[in-house]
Amino acid sequence: MKCNNAEKLLLLQDSGELTNQQLRTLLTHIHNCEDCRSFQQAIVKIEENIQTQELPSETILNNIKREARKLTPQNKSFKIIY
């Protein structure tokens, strides 16, 4: 397996989209390829960082909603004439 194929499969691995054969081939490749092991570890670190990010406070969410309402075009009434 080529590294670029392994990287694609690594990105699909968490979503459960790999067949058993693809998973076995991928795991064999990762076992033998230091670059792809590093790539896999980088993915794990990114996922961990994403999960540990704090959610914005209620105040921040309300401010965003308020600004979004300001930027949203106002409904203009109009009549359809036949």
C-alpha atoms as a PDB file:
ATOM      1  CA  MET A   1       0.000   0.000   0.000  1.00  0.00           C
ATOM      2  CA  LYS A   2       1.211   3.489  -0.823  1.00  0.00           C
ATOM      3  CA  CYS A   3       1.332   6.119   1.889  1.00  0.00           C
ATOM      4  CA  ASN A   4      -1.136   8.445   0.155  1.00  0.00           C
ATOM      5  CA  ASN A   5      -3.708   5.621   0.095  1.00  0.00           C
ATOM      6  CA  ALA A   6      -2.994   4.842   3.748  1.00  0.00           C
ATOM      7  CA  GLU A   7      -3.549   8.497   4.675  1.00  0.00           C
ATOM      8  CA  LYS A   8      -6.929   8.496   2.921  1.00  0.00           C
ATOM      9  CA  LEU A   9      -7.932   5.315   4.725  1.00  0.00           C
ATOM     10  CA  LEU A  10      -6.772   6.735   8.063  1.00  0.00           C
ATOM     11  CA  LEU A  11      -9.112   9.662   7.567  1.00  0.00           C
ATOM     12  CA  LEU A  12     -12.003   7.281   6.855  1.00  0.00           C
ATOM     13  CA  GLN A  13     -11.180   4.852   9.662  1.00  0.00           C
ATOM     14  CA  ASP A  14     -13.078   6.625  12.468  1.00  0.00           C
ATOM     15  CA  SER A  15     -16.259   6.862  10.437  1.00  0.00           C
ATOM     16  CA  GLY A  16     -16.402   3.082  10.025  1.00  0.00           C
ATOM     17  CA  GLU A  17     -16.265   3.238   6.238  1.00  0.00           C
ATOM     18  CA  LEU A  18     -13.462   0.673   5.841  1.00  0.00           C
ATOM     19  CA  THR A  19     -14.025  -2.931   4.952  1.00  0.00           C
ATOM     20  CA  ASN A  20     -12.323  -5.553   7.108  1.00  0.00           C
ATOM     21  CA  GLN A  21      -9.779  -6.143   4.321  1.00  0.00           C
ATOM     22  CA  GLN A  22      -8.996  -2.429   4.025  1.00  0.00           C
ATOM     23  CA  LEU A  23      -8.566  -2.180   7.782  1.00  0.00           C
ATOM     24  CA  ARG A  24      -6.191  -5.162   7.913  1.00  0.00           C
ATOM     25  CA  THR A  25      -4.146  -3.792   5.019  1.00  0.00           C
ATOM     26  CA  LEU A  26      -4.032  -0.362   6.642  1.00  0.00           C
ATOM     27  CA  LEU A  27      -2.952  -1.719  10.027  1.00  0.00           C
ATOM     28  CA  THR A  28      -0.201  -3.781   8.398  1.00  0.00           C
ATOM     29  CA  HIS A  29       1.032  -0.729   6.517  1.00  0.00           C
ATOM     30  CA  ILE A  30       0.990   1.453   9.647  1.00  0.00           C
ATOM     31  CA  HIS A  31       2.901  -1.201  11.543  1.00  0.00           C
ATOM     32  CA  ASN A  32       5.663  -1.084   8.910  1.00  0.00           C
ATOM     33  CA  CYS A  33       5.640   2.634   8.033  1.00  0.00           C
ATOM     34  CA  GLU A  34       6.889   5.226  10.502  1.00  0.00           C
ATOM     35  CA  ASP A  35       5.601   8.166   8.423  1.00  0.00           C
ATOM     36  CA  CYS A  36       2.050   6.829   8.424  1.00  0.00           C
ATOM     37  CA  ARG A  37       2.228   6.051  12.157  1.00  0.00           C
ATOM     38  CA  SER A  38       3.194   9.696  12.689  1.00  0.00           C
ATOM     39  CA  PHE A  39       0.288  10.793  10.494  1.00  0.00           C
ATOM     40  CA  GLN A  40      -2.087   8.618  12.528  1.00  0.00           C
ATOM     41  CA  GLN A  41      -0.751  10.060  15.792  1.00  0.00           C
ATOM     42  CA  ALA A  42      -1.230  13.583  14.448  1.00  0.00           C
ATOM     43  CA  ILE A  43      -4.866  12.774  13.656  1.00  0.00           C
ATOM     44  CA  VAL A  44      -5.384  11.460  17.183  1.00  0.00           C
ATOM     45  CA  LYS A  45      -3.873  14.629  18.692  1.00  0.00           C
ATOM     46  CA  ILE A  46      -6.074  16.853  16.539  1.00  0.00           C
ATOM     47  CA  GLU A  47      -9.180  14.892  17.552  1.00  0.00           C
ATOM     48  CA  GLU A  48      -8.219  15.180  21.218  1.00  0.00           C
ATOM     49  CA  ASN A  49      -7.724  18.938  20.886  1.00  0.00           C
ATOM     50  CA  ILE A  50     -11.076  19.360  19.180  1.00  0.00           C
ATOM     51  CA  GLN A  51     -12.836  17.442  21.943  1.00  0.00           C
ATOM     52  CA  THR A  52     -11.251  19.517  24.702  1.00  0.00           C
ATOM     53  CA  GLN A  53     -12.203  22.903  23.253  1.00  0.00           C
ATOM     54  CA  GLU A  54     -14.569  24.843  25.483  1.00  0.00           C
ATOM     55  CA  LEU A  55     -17.984  25.761  24.192  1.00  0.00           C
ATOM     56  CA  PRO A  56     -18.694  29.480  23.922  1.00  0.00           C
ATOM     57  CA  SER A  57     -20.563  31.027  26.828  1.00  0.00           C
ATOM     58  CA  GLU A  58     -24.256  31.830  26.655  1.00  0.00           C
ATOM     59  CA  THR A  59     -23.382  35.542  26.465  1.00  0.00           C
ATOM     60  CA  ILE A  60     -21.178  35.014  23.428  1.00  0.00           C
ATOM     61  CA  LEU A  61     -23.854  32.930  21.711  1.00  0.00           C
ATOM     62  CA  ASN A  62     -26.466  35.609  22.384  1.00  0.00           C
ATOM     63  CA  ASN A  63     -24.130  38.291  20.996  1.00  0.00           C
ATOM     64  CA  ILE A  64     -23.576  36.258  17.843  1.00  0.00           C
ATOM     65  CA  LYS A  65     -27.319  35.741  17.395  1.00  0.00           C
ATOM     66  CA  ARG A  66     -27.987  39.458  17.924  1.00  0.00           C
ATOM     67  CA  GLU A  67     -25.375  40.442  15.333  1.00  0.00           C
ATOM     68  CA  ALA A  68     -26.676  37.848  12.894  1.00  0.00           C
ATOM     69  CA  ARG A  69     -30.190  39.280  13.238  1.00  0.00           C
ATOM     70  CA  LYS A  70     -28.818  42.754  12.522  1.00  0.00           C
ATOM     71  CA  LEU A  71     -27.115  41.529   9.367  1.00  0.00           C
ATOM     72  CA  THR A  72     -30.084  39.524   8.117  1.00  0.00           C
ATOM     73  CA  PRO A  73     -32.123  41.402   5.514  1.00  0.00           C
ATOM     74  CA  GLN A  74     -35.487  42.506   6.876  1.00  0.00           C
ATOM     75  CA  ASN A  75     -38.587  40.988   5.359  1.00  0.00           C
ATOM     76  CA  LYS A  76     -40.091  43.538   3.059  1.00  0.00           C
ATOM     77  CA  SER A  77     -43.768  43.304   2.352  1.00  0.00           C
ATOM     78  CA  PHE A  78     -44.839  43.386  -1.229  1.00  0.00           C
ATOM     79  CA  LYS A  79     -47.971  42.746  -3.202  1.00  0.00           C
ATOM     80  CA  ILE A  80     -48.263  40.531  -6.188  1.00  0.00           C
ATOM     81  CA  ILE A  81     -50.410  42.161  -8.846  1.00  0.00           C
ATOM     82  CA  TYR A  82     -52.009  39.971 -11.501  1.00  0.00           C
END
